[in-house]
Amino acid sequence: MKKGYLYTIVFMFIVALVFTTVLASVNAIFKSRILTNEQLIEKKAVLNAMSITYNDNEIDKLFANIEEVKKDNLVYYALTDGSNQIEKYAVYFEGSGLWSTLTGYIGVGGNFKTLLGIDFTSQNETPGLGGRIEEEWFKVQFKGVSISDLPLTYGNGIDAITGATLTSKSVMKIINDTINNQVKELEAMK
């Protein structure tokens, strides 16, 4: 028995409605857990950018010494020592990758001369290629790099990802833009 187009359209509508309702319900049920996990990812990225070693049990304790500051379009975190001198900064960045928007934090020393690290909070680059920007070997290359002579380029100890040239170029552009804009603005405020 052949069913008409109307049957197919009604069936697809009902299936879509059922699955949409299920997904919306699951999202509503776990909303607080999702927010908690997003905050944890953010905190870990800030600590990684500042080159602070931690275990999962002490993240909140470490964050007691870190202040979040939002001024106009500038978002950063500052770690102070015991005498209220700022030792490290983590500056938020956002920029275009090959397939997605890359977001995360770049850590700089309190003297604004050295990169402390970089970490990503969001990226949707090609897994196994551009997605390798999240791998530790790639991120660790930026630790201790002098930011006095800009622009930073690949070579001299900083390697691009083979097969992910455009993502690698995008990351370097984001780093240079963040240093030239947000970090320089932050330095001028101090």
N, C-alpha and C. Protein backbone atom coordinates (compact mmCIF):
# COMPACT_ATOMS: atom_id res chain seq x y z
N MET A 1 0.83 -1.17 0.00
CA MET A 1 0.00 0.00 0.00
C MET A 1 0.88 1.24 0.00
N LYS A 2 0.67 2.09 -0.95
CA LYS A 2 1.46 3.30 -1.10
C LYS A 2 0.78 4.44 -0.35
N LYS A 3 1.58 5.09 0.53
CA LYS A 3 1.05 6.21 1.30
C LYS A 3 1.48 7.49 0.62
N GLY A 4 0.71 8.50 0.74
CA GLY A 4 0.95 9.75 0.04
C GLY A 4 1.98 10.64 0.73
N TYR A 5 2.21 11.77 0.07
CA TYR A 5 3.17 12.76 0.58
C TYR A 5 2.74 13.32 1.93
N LEU A 6 1.45 13.46 2.10
CA LEU A 6 0.94 14.03 3.35
C LEU A 6 1.32 13.15 4.54
N TYR A 7 1.22 11.84 4.38
CA TYR A 7 1.62 10.91 5.44
C TYR A 7 3.09 11.12 5.81
N THR A 8 3.96 11.23 4.80
CA THR A 8 5.39 11.41 5.03
C THR A 8 5.66 12.72 5.77
N ILE A 9 5.00 13.77 5.36
CA ILE A 9 5.21 15.08 5.99
C ILE A 9 4.72 15.06 7.44
N VAL A 10 3.56 14.49 7.69
CA VAL A 10 3.03 14.41 9.06
C VAL A 10 3.93 13.54 9.92
N PHE A 11 4.39 12.42 9.40
CA PHE A 11 5.28 11.53 10.14
C PHE A 11 6.58 12.25 10.52
N MET A 12 7.18 12.95 9.56
CA MET A 12 8.43 13.68 9.85
C MET A 12 8.18 14.77 10.89
N PHE A 13 7.06 15.46 10.80
CA PHE A 13 6.74 16.50 11.77
C PHE A 13 6.62 15.92 13.18
N ILE A 14 5.91 14.79 13.31
CA ILE A 14 5.72 14.16 14.62
C ILE A 14 7.06 13.69 15.19
N VAL A 15 7.88 13.05 14.38
CA VAL A 15 9.20 12.58 14.84
C VAL A 15 10.06 13.76 15.28
N ALA A 16 10.06 14.83 14.48
CA ALA A 16 10.84 16.02 14.84
C ALA A 16 10.33 16.63 16.13
N LEU A 17 9.02 16.68 16.32
CA LEU A 17 8.43 17.23 17.53
C LEU A 17 8.80 16.41 18.76
N VAL A 18 8.75 15.10 18.63
CA VAL A 18 9.09 14.22 19.76
C VAL A 18 10.56 14.39 20.15
N PHE A 19 11.46 14.35 19.18
CA PHE A 19 12.88 14.47 19.50
C PHE A 19 13.24 15.86 20.00
N THR A 20 12.61 16.89 19.48
CA THR A 20 12.86 18.25 19.96
C THR A 20 12.41 18.38 21.41
N THR A 21 11.26 17.81 21.73
CA THR A 21 10.76 17.85 23.10
C THR A 21 11.70 17.10 24.04
N VAL A 22 12.18 15.95 23.63
CA VAL A 22 13.11 15.17 24.46
C VAL A 22 14.40 15.95 24.69
N LEU A 23 14.97 16.52 23.62
CA LEU A 23 16.22 17.28 23.76
C LEU A 23 16.03 18.52 24.63
N ALA A 24 14.94 19.23 24.45
CA ALA A 24 14.68 20.42 25.26
C ALA A 24 14.50 20.04 26.73
N SER A 25 13.84 18.93 27.00
CA SER A 25 13.64 18.48 28.37
C SER A 25 14.95 18.09 29.03
N VAL A 26 15.78 17.35 28.32
CA VAL A 26 17.09 16.95 28.86
C VAL A 26 17.94 18.18 29.13
N ASN A 27 17.92 19.14 28.22
CA ASN A 27 18.67 20.38 28.41
C ASN A 27 18.18 21.13 29.65
N ALA A 28 16.88 21.22 29.83
CA ALA A 28 16.33 21.92 30.99
C ALA A 28 16.67 21.20 32.29
N ILE A 29 16.63 19.88 32.28
CA ILE A 29 16.93 19.10 33.48
C ILE A 29 18.38 19.28 33.90
N PHE A 30 19.30 19.29 32.95
CA PHE A 30 20.73 19.35 33.25
C PHE A 30 21.35 20.74 33.09
N LYS A 31 20.51 21.78 33.03
CA LYS A 31 21.02 23.14 32.79
C LYS A 31 22.05 23.58 33.84
N SER A 32 21.78 23.33 35.10
CA SER A 32 22.73 23.76 36.14
C SER A 32 24.04 22.99 36.03
N ARG A 33 23.97 21.73 35.70
CA ARG A 33 25.19 20.92 35.53
C ARG A 33 25.99 21.41 34.31
N ILE A 34 25.30 21.77 33.25
CA ILE A 34 25.96 22.29 32.05
C ILE A 34 26.69 23.59 32.38
N LEU A 35 26.03 24.50 33.11
CA LEU A 35 26.66 25.76 33.50
C LEU A 35 27.87 25.53 34.40
N THR A 36 27.76 24.59 35.33
CA THR A 36 28.88 24.27 36.21
C THR A 36 30.08 23.77 35.41
N ASN A 37 29.83 22.91 34.44
CA ASN A 37 30.91 22.39 33.60
C ASN A 37 31.53 23.47 32.73
N GLU A 38 30.72 24.39 32.21
CA GLU A 38 31.24 25.49 31.41
C GLU A 38 32.15 26.39 32.25
N GLN A 39 31.75 26.66 33.50
CA GLN A 39 32.57 27.47 34.39
C GLN A 39 33.87 26.76 34.73
N LEU A 40 33.82 25.45 34.91
CA LEU A 40 35.03 24.68 35.20
C LEU A 40 36.00 24.72 34.02
N ILE A 41 35.48 24.59 32.80
CA ILE A 41 36.33 24.67 31.61
C ILE A 41 36.99 26.04 31.53
N GLU A 42 36.23 27.08 31.84
CA GLU A 42 36.76 28.46 31.82
C GLU A 42 37.88 28.61 32.85
N LYS A 43 37.65 28.13 34.06
CA LYS A 43 38.65 28.25 35.12
C LYS A 43 39.92 27.48 34.77
N LYS A 44 39.76 26.28 34.24
CA LYS A 44 40.94 25.49 33.85
C LYS A 44 41.73 26.20 32.76
N ALA A 45 41.04 26.80 31.80
CA ALA A 45 41.73 27.51 30.72
C ALA A 45 42.52 28.70 31.26
N VAL A 46 41.95 29.43 32.21
CA VAL A 46 42.65 30.56 32.81
C VAL A 46 43.90 30.07 33.55
N LEU A 47 43.76 29.02 34.34
CA LEU A 47 44.92 28.48 35.07
C LEU A 47 45.99 27.97 34.12
N ASN A 48 45.58 27.29 33.06
CA ASN A 48 46.54 26.78 32.08
C ASN A 48 47.25 27.93 31.36
N ALA A 49 46.51 28.98 31.01
CA ALA A 49 47.12 30.12 30.33
C ALA A 49 48.13 30.81 31.24
N MET A 50 47.87 30.83 32.54
CA MET A 50 48.79 31.44 33.49
C MET A 50 49.92 30.50 33.91
N SER A 51 49.94 29.30 33.35
CA SER A 51 50.95 28.27 33.68
C SER A 51 50.93 27.91 35.16
N ILE A 52 49.74 27.76 35.70
CA ILE A 52 49.58 27.34 37.09
C ILE A 52 49.19 25.87 37.09
N THR A 53 50.01 25.06 37.75
CA THR A 53 49.68 23.63 37.84
C THR A 53 48.65 23.43 38.94
N TYR A 54 47.77 22.49 38.76
CA TYR A 54 46.67 22.28 39.69
C TYR A 54 46.16 20.87 39.56
N ASN A 55 45.39 20.43 40.55
CA ASN A 55 44.58 19.24 40.38
C ASN A 55 43.13 19.68 40.54
N ASP A 56 42.22 18.86 40.13
CA ASP A 56 40.81 19.26 40.06
C ASP A 56 40.22 19.65 41.41
N ASN A 57 40.79 19.15 42.50
CA ASN A 57 40.25 19.46 43.82
C ASN A 57 40.59 20.86 44.30
N GLU A 58 41.61 21.49 43.74
CA GLU A 58 42.05 22.79 44.24
C GLU A 58 41.77 23.96 43.30
N ILE A 59 40.98 23.76 42.29
CA ILE A 59 40.70 24.83 41.31
C ILE A 59 40.02 26.03 41.99
N ASP A 60 39.00 25.79 42.77
CA ASP A 60 38.29 26.90 43.43
C ASP A 60 39.19 27.61 44.43
N LYS A 61 40.03 26.87 45.12
CA LYS A 61 40.96 27.47 46.08
C LYS A 61 41.95 28.39 45.37
N LEU A 62 42.47 27.95 44.22
CA LEU A 62 43.40 28.78 43.46
C LEU A 62 42.71 30.02 42.91
N PHE A 63 41.45 29.89 42.56
CA PHE A 63 40.72 31.02 41.99
C PHE A 63 40.38 32.08 43.04
N ALA A 64 40.58 31.78 44.31
CA ALA A 64 40.35 32.78 45.35
C ALA A 64 41.33 33.95 45.21
N ASN A 65 42.50 33.71 44.61
CA ASN A 65 43.52 34.75 44.43
C ASN A 65 43.48 35.39 43.05
N ILE A 66 42.52 34.99 42.23
CA ILE A 66 42.44 35.49 40.86
C ILE A 66 41.19 36.35 40.72
N GLU A 67 41.38 37.54 40.20
CA GLU A 67 40.28 38.48 40.04
C GLU A 67 39.88 38.59 38.57
N GLU A 68 38.58 38.51 38.30
CA GLU A 68 38.07 38.71 36.95
C GLU A 68 37.74 40.19 36.77
N VAL A 69 38.21 40.77 35.66
CA VAL A 69 37.96 42.18 35.39
C VAL A 69 37.35 42.30 34.00
N LYS A 70 36.26 43.06 33.90
CA LYS A 70 35.63 43.34 32.61
C LYS A 70 35.55 44.85 32.47
N LYS A 71 36.27 45.39 31.50
CA LYS A 71 36.24 46.82 31.21
C LYS A 71 35.98 46.99 29.73
N ASP A 72 34.87 47.60 29.39
CA ASP A 72 34.46 47.79 28.00
C ASP A 72 34.50 46.45 27.28
N ASN A 73 35.35 46.31 26.27
CA ASN A 73 35.48 45.06 25.52
C ASN A 73 36.62 44.20 26.02
N LEU A 74 37.30 44.63 27.07
CA LEU A 74 38.47 43.91 27.59
C LEU A 74 38.05 43.03 28.77
N VAL A 75 38.32 41.73 28.64
CA VAL A 75 38.05 40.78 29.71
C VAL A 75 39.36 40.10 30.05
N TYR A 76 39.73 40.15 31.33
CA TYR A 76 40.97 39.48 31.75
C TYR A 76 40.88 39.04 33.20
N TYR A 77 41.79 38.16 33.57
CA TYR A 77 41.93 37.70 34.94
C TYR A 77 43.31 38.12 35.41
N ALA A 78 43.41 38.48 36.68
CA ALA A 78 44.68 38.91 37.25
C ALA A 78 44.97 38.12 38.52
N LEU A 79 46.20 37.60 38.62
CA LEU A 79 46.66 36.89 39.81
C LEU A 79 47.59 37.81 40.56
N THR A 80 47.26 38.09 41.81
CA THR A 80 48.09 38.98 42.62
C THR A 80 48.88 38.17 43.64
N ASP A 81 50.04 38.70 43.99
CA ASP A 81 50.82 38.08 45.05
C ASP A 81 50.33 38.63 46.39
N GLY A 82 51.01 38.34 47.45
CA GLY A 82 50.60 38.77 48.78
C GLY A 82 50.57 40.28 48.97
N SER A 83 51.35 41.03 48.19
CA SER A 83 51.42 42.48 48.36
C SER A 83 50.58 43.23 47.31
N ASN A 84 49.59 42.56 46.76
CA ASN A 84 48.69 43.14 45.75
C ASN A 84 49.38 43.55 44.46
N GLN A 85 50.54 43.03 44.19
CA GLN A 85 51.20 43.22 42.90
C GLN A 85 50.69 42.13 41.96
N ILE A 86 50.37 42.52 40.73
CA ILE A 86 49.87 41.53 39.78
C ILE A 86 51.04 40.77 39.18
N GLU A 87 51.01 39.45 39.34
CA GLU A 87 52.06 38.58 38.83
C GLU A 87 51.78 38.11 37.41
N LYS A 88 50.50 37.79 37.16
CA LYS A 88 50.13 37.18 35.88
C LYS A 88 48.76 37.67 35.45
N TYR A 89 48.60 37.70 34.13
CA TYR A 89 47.32 38.03 33.53
C TYR A 89 46.90 36.91 32.59
N ALA A 90 45.61 36.70 32.48
CA ALA A 90 45.04 35.84 31.44
C ALA A 90 44.03 36.68 30.69
N VAL A 91 44.28 36.90 29.41
CA VAL A 91 43.45 37.77 28.59
C VAL A 91 42.60 36.92 27.66
N TYR A 92 41.30 37.21 27.65
CA TYR A 92 40.35 36.49 26.80
C TYR A 92 40.60 36.83 25.33
N PHE A 93 40.52 35.81 24.47
CA PHE A 93 40.60 36.07 23.03
C PHE A 93 39.47 35.36 22.31
N GLU A 94 39.16 35.89 21.14
CA GLU A 94 38.16 35.30 20.26
C GLU A 94 38.56 35.66 18.84
N GLY A 95 38.57 34.67 17.97
CA GLY A 95 38.92 34.93 16.59
C GLY A 95 38.50 33.79 15.69
N SER A 96 38.58 34.03 14.41
CA SER A 96 38.15 33.04 13.43
C SER A 96 39.24 32.01 13.17
N GLY A 97 38.85 30.75 13.22
CA GLY A 97 39.71 29.67 12.78
C GLY A 97 39.33 29.33 11.34
N LEU A 98 39.67 28.13 10.91
CA LEU A 98 39.29 27.73 9.56
C LEU A 98 37.78 27.48 9.48
N TRP A 99 37.25 26.70 10.42
CA TRP A 99 35.85 26.32 10.38
C TRP A 99 35.00 26.92 11.49
N SER A 100 35.63 27.48 12.49
CA SER A 100 34.86 27.91 13.65
C SER A 100 35.50 29.12 14.31
N THR A 101 34.83 29.61 15.32
CA THR A 101 35.38 30.67 16.15
C THR A 101 36.20 30.02 17.25
N LEU A 102 37.42 30.50 17.44
CA LEU A 102 38.30 30.00 18.49
C LEU A 102 38.22 30.97 19.66
N THR A 103 38.00 30.45 20.86
CA THR A 103 37.99 31.28 22.05
C THR A 103 38.90 30.66 23.09
N GLY A 104 39.40 31.50 23.98
CA GLY A 104 40.26 31.00 25.04
C GLY A 104 40.97 32.13 25.75
N TYR A 105 42.14 31.80 26.32
CA TYR A 105 42.90 32.77 27.09
C TYR A 105 44.38 32.69 26.74
N ILE A 106 45.01 33.85 26.74
CA ILE A 106 46.46 33.97 26.59
C ILE A 106 46.99 34.51 27.90
N GLY A 107 47.98 33.84 28.46
CA GLY A 107 48.58 34.29 29.70
C GLY A 107 49.83 35.12 29.43
N VAL A 108 49.98 36.22 30.15
CA VAL A 108 51.18 37.06 30.05
C VAL A 108 51.66 37.38 31.46
N GLY A 109 52.96 37.58 31.56
CA GLY A 109 53.55 37.94 32.85
C GLY A 109 53.16 39.35 33.25
N GLY A 110 53.31 39.65 34.52
CA GLY A 110 52.96 40.96 35.04
C GLY A 110 53.76 42.09 34.44
N ASN A 111 54.91 41.76 33.84
CA ASN A 111 55.74 42.78 33.19
C ASN A 111 55.40 42.97 31.72
N PHE A 112 54.46 42.19 31.20
CA PHE A 112 54.00 42.28 29.80
C PHE A 112 55.11 42.01 28.79
N LYS A 113 56.06 41.16 29.15
CA LYS A 113 57.17 40.86 28.25
C LYS A 113 57.16 39.42 27.74
N THR A 114 56.44 38.53 28.45
CA THR A 114 56.52 37.11 28.16
C THR A 114 55.15 36.46 28.13
N LEU A 115 54.95 35.58 27.14
CA LEU A 115 53.76 34.74 27.12
C LEU A 115 53.94 33.64 28.15
N LEU A 116 52.92 33.40 28.93
CA LEU A 116 52.96 32.31 29.91
C LEU A 116 52.31 31.05 29.37
N GLY A 117 51.38 31.22 28.46
CA GLY A 117 50.69 30.07 27.90
C GLY A 117 49.46 30.49 27.12
N ILE A 118 48.83 29.49 26.54
CA ILE A 118 47.61 29.68 25.78
C ILE A 118 46.73 28.46 26.01
N ASP A 119 45.43 28.69 26.10
CA ASP A 119 44.50 27.57 26.21
C ASP A 119 43.18 27.97 25.55
N PHE A 120 42.50 26.98 25.04
CA PHE A 120 41.26 27.19 24.29
C PHE A 120 40.08 26.74 25.12
N THR A 121 39.00 27.52 25.07
CA THR A 121 37.76 27.12 25.72
C THR A 121 36.75 26.59 24.71
N SER A 122 36.91 26.98 23.45
CA SER A 122 36.00 26.52 22.41
C SER A 122 36.69 26.52 21.06
N GLN A 123 36.53 25.43 20.35
CA GLN A 123 37.02 25.32 18.97
C GLN A 123 36.31 24.16 18.32
N ASN A 124 36.06 24.26 17.04
CA ASN A 124 35.42 23.19 16.27
C ASN A 124 36.17 22.97 14.97
N GLU A 125 37.48 22.93 15.08
CA GLU A 125 38.30 22.68 13.90
C GLU A 125 38.27 21.19 13.57
N THR A 126 38.80 20.81 12.43
CA THR A 126 38.77 19.43 11.97
C THR A 126 39.50 18.52 12.95
N PRO A 127 38.82 17.50 13.51
CA PRO A 127 39.48 16.57 14.43
C PRO A 127 40.67 15.89 13.74
N GLY A 128 41.77 15.80 14.45
CA GLY A 128 42.97 15.15 13.90
C GLY A 128 43.83 16.07 13.07
N LEU A 129 43.31 17.22 12.69
CA LEU A 129 44.10 18.22 11.95
C LEU A 129 44.10 19.51 12.75
N GLY A 130 43.23 20.45 12.41
CA GLY A 130 43.17 21.71 13.13
C GLY A 130 42.80 21.55 14.59
N GLY A 131 42.06 20.51 14.91
CA GLY A 131 41.67 20.24 16.29
C GLY A 131 42.86 19.95 17.19
N ARG A 132 44.01 19.70 16.59
CA ARG A 132 45.22 19.42 17.37
C ARG A 132 45.75 20.65 18.10
N ILE A 133 45.16 21.82 17.86
CA ILE A 133 45.56 23.01 18.60
C ILE A 133 45.31 22.84 20.09
N GLU A 134 44.44 21.90 20.46
CA GLU A 134 44.16 21.63 21.87
C GLU A 134 45.17 20.69 22.50
N GLU A 135 46.05 20.10 21.70
CA GLU A 135 47.03 19.16 22.24
C GLU A 135 48.13 19.92 23.00
N GLU A 136 48.61 19.29 24.04
CA GLU A 136 49.58 19.93 24.93
C GLU A 136 50.87 20.32 24.20
N TRP A 137 51.36 19.47 23.28
CA TRP A 137 52.62 19.78 22.58
C TRP A 137 52.51 21.09 21.81
N PHE A 138 51.32 21.39 21.29
CA PHE A 138 51.14 22.63 20.53
C PHE A 138 51.09 23.83 21.47
N LYS A 139 50.32 23.72 22.54
CA LYS A 139 50.15 24.85 23.45
C LYS A 139 51.43 25.18 24.23
N VAL A 140 52.20 24.16 24.58
CA VAL A 140 53.40 24.38 25.40
C VAL A 140 54.47 25.18 24.64
N GLN A 141 54.40 25.20 23.32
CA GLN A 141 55.37 25.94 22.52
C GLN A 141 55.35 27.44 22.81
N PHE A 142 54.23 27.94 23.28
CA PHE A 142 54.08 29.37 23.49
C PHE A 142 54.53 29.84 24.88
N LYS A 143 54.83 28.88 25.77
CA LYS A 143 55.27 29.24 27.11
C LYS A 143 56.67 29.86 27.05
N GLY A 144 56.81 31.01 27.66
CA GLY A 144 58.11 31.66 27.75
C GLY A 144 58.52 32.44 26.52
N VAL A 145 57.65 32.56 25.54
CA VAL A 145 57.98 33.29 24.31
C VAL A 145 57.93 34.79 24.60
N SER A 146 58.96 35.50 24.17
CA SER A 146 59.02 36.94 24.35
C SER A 146 58.03 37.61 23.40
N ILE A 147 57.29 38.57 23.92
CA ILE A 147 56.34 39.30 23.07
C ILE A 147 56.85 40.71 22.77
N SER A 148 58.13 40.92 23.00
CA SER A 148 58.71 42.23 22.73
C SER A 148 58.81 42.51 21.24
N ASP A 149 59.14 41.49 20.46
CA ASP A 149 59.31 41.64 19.02
C ASP A 149 58.14 41.01 18.29
N LEU A 150 57.16 41.82 17.97
CA LEU A 150 55.99 41.32 17.26
C LEU A 150 56.14 41.61 15.78
N PRO A 151 55.52 40.89 14.92
CA PRO A 151 54.60 39.79 15.18
C PRO A 151 55.35 38.48 15.44
N LEU A 152 54.71 37.63 16.23
CA LEU A 152 55.24 36.28 16.43
C LEU A 152 54.98 35.50 15.15
N THR A 153 55.91 34.62 14.81
CA THR A 153 55.76 33.79 13.62
C THR A 153 56.17 32.36 13.94
N TYR A 154 55.77 31.45 13.07
CA TYR A 154 56.21 30.07 13.24
C TYR A 154 57.67 29.96 12.85
N GLY A 155 58.37 29.02 13.45
CA GLY A 155 59.80 28.87 13.30
C GLY A 155 60.46 29.23 14.62
N ASN A 156 61.72 28.97 14.75
CA ASN A 156 62.45 29.28 15.98
C ASN A 156 61.77 28.72 17.22
N GLY A 157 61.40 27.44 17.16
CA GLY A 157 60.83 26.78 18.33
C GLY A 157 59.32 26.72 18.37
N ILE A 158 58.63 27.41 17.47
CA ILE A 158 57.18 27.34 17.41
C ILE A 158 56.81 26.70 16.08
N ASP A 159 56.18 25.53 16.16
CA ASP A 159 55.83 24.78 14.96
C ASP A 159 54.34 24.84 14.67
N ALA A 160 54.02 24.97 13.38
CA ALA A 160 52.64 24.89 12.93
C ALA A 160 52.23 23.42 12.89
N ILE A 161 50.97 23.16 12.72
CA ILE A 161 50.47 21.79 12.63
C ILE A 161 50.46 21.36 11.18
N THR A 162 51.16 20.29 10.87
CA THR A 162 51.21 19.77 9.52
C THR A 162 49.81 19.35 9.08
N GLY A 163 49.39 19.81 7.93
CA GLY A 163 48.08 19.47 7.40
C GLY A 163 46.98 20.40 7.89
N ALA A 164 47.33 21.34 8.76
CA ALA A 164 46.35 22.29 9.29
C ALA A 164 46.93 23.70 9.20
N THR A 165 47.43 24.02 8.02
CA THR A 165 48.11 25.30 7.82
C THR A 165 47.20 26.48 8.11
N LEU A 166 45.98 26.45 7.62
CA LEU A 166 45.08 27.60 7.81
C LEU A 166 44.69 27.78 9.27
N THR A 167 44.45 26.69 9.98
CA THR A 167 44.15 26.79 11.41
C THR A 167 45.37 27.32 12.16
N SER A 168 46.55 26.83 11.82
CA SER A 168 47.78 27.29 12.47
C SER A 168 47.98 28.79 12.24
N LYS A 169 47.76 29.23 11.00
CA LYS A 169 47.89 30.66 10.70
C LYS A 169 46.85 31.46 11.48
N SER A 170 45.65 30.93 11.59
CA SER A 170 44.60 31.62 12.34
C SER A 170 44.97 31.78 13.80
N VAL A 171 45.53 30.73 14.40
CA VAL A 171 45.94 30.79 15.80
C VAL A 171 47.01 31.86 15.98
N MET A 172 47.99 31.89 15.09
CA MET A 172 49.06 32.88 15.21
C MET A 172 48.51 34.30 15.02
N LYS A 173 47.57 34.46 14.11
CA LYS A 173 46.96 35.78 13.90
C LYS A 173 46.20 36.21 15.15
N ILE A 174 45.47 35.28 15.75
CA ILE A 174 44.71 35.59 16.97
C ILE A 174 45.66 35.99 18.09
N ILE A 175 46.75 35.26 18.24
CA ILE A 175 47.72 35.58 19.30
C ILE A 175 48.30 36.97 19.07
N ASN A 176 48.75 37.26 17.86
CA ASN A 176 49.33 38.57 17.56
C ASN A 176 48.30 39.69 17.74
N ASP A 177 47.08 39.47 17.27
CA ASP A 177 46.03 40.48 17.42
C ASP A 177 45.71 40.73 18.90
N THR A 178 45.64 39.66 19.68
CA THR A 178 45.33 39.79 21.11
C THR A 178 46.44 40.56 21.82
N ILE A 179 47.68 40.24 21.49
CA ILE A 179 48.80 40.95 22.12
C ILE A 179 48.79 42.42 21.70
N ASN A 180 48.61 42.66 20.40
CA ASN A 180 48.63 44.04 19.90
C ASN A 180 47.47 44.88 20.40
N ASN A 181 46.35 44.26 20.69
CA ASN A 181 45.17 45.02 21.09
C ASN A 181 44.91 44.92 22.59
N GLN A 182 44.40 43.78 23.04
CA GLN A 182 43.99 43.65 24.43
C GLN A 182 45.16 43.77 25.41
N VAL A 183 46.26 43.07 25.13
CA VAL A 183 47.40 43.10 26.06
C VAL A 183 48.01 44.50 26.11
N LYS A 184 48.16 45.14 24.96
CA LYS A 184 48.71 46.50 24.94
C LYS A 184 47.78 47.47 25.66
N GLU A 185 46.47 47.29 25.48
CA GLU A 185 45.50 48.13 26.19
C GLU A 185 45.59 47.92 27.70
N LEU A 186 45.72 46.67 28.09
CA LEU A 186 45.87 46.33 29.51
C LEU A 186 47.14 46.94 30.08
N GLU A 187 48.22 46.84 29.33
CA GLU A 187 49.50 47.41 29.78
C GLU A 187 49.40 48.93 29.93
N ALA A 188 48.69 49.57 29.03
CA ALA A 188 48.53 51.03 29.09
C ALA A 188 47.71 51.44 30.31
N MET A 189 46.79 50.57 30.76
CA MET A 189 45.97 50.87 31.93
C MET A 189 46.78 50.77 33.22
N LYS A 190 47.84 50.02 33.22
CA LYS A 190 48.63 49.80 34.44
C LYS A 190 49.67 50.81 34.55
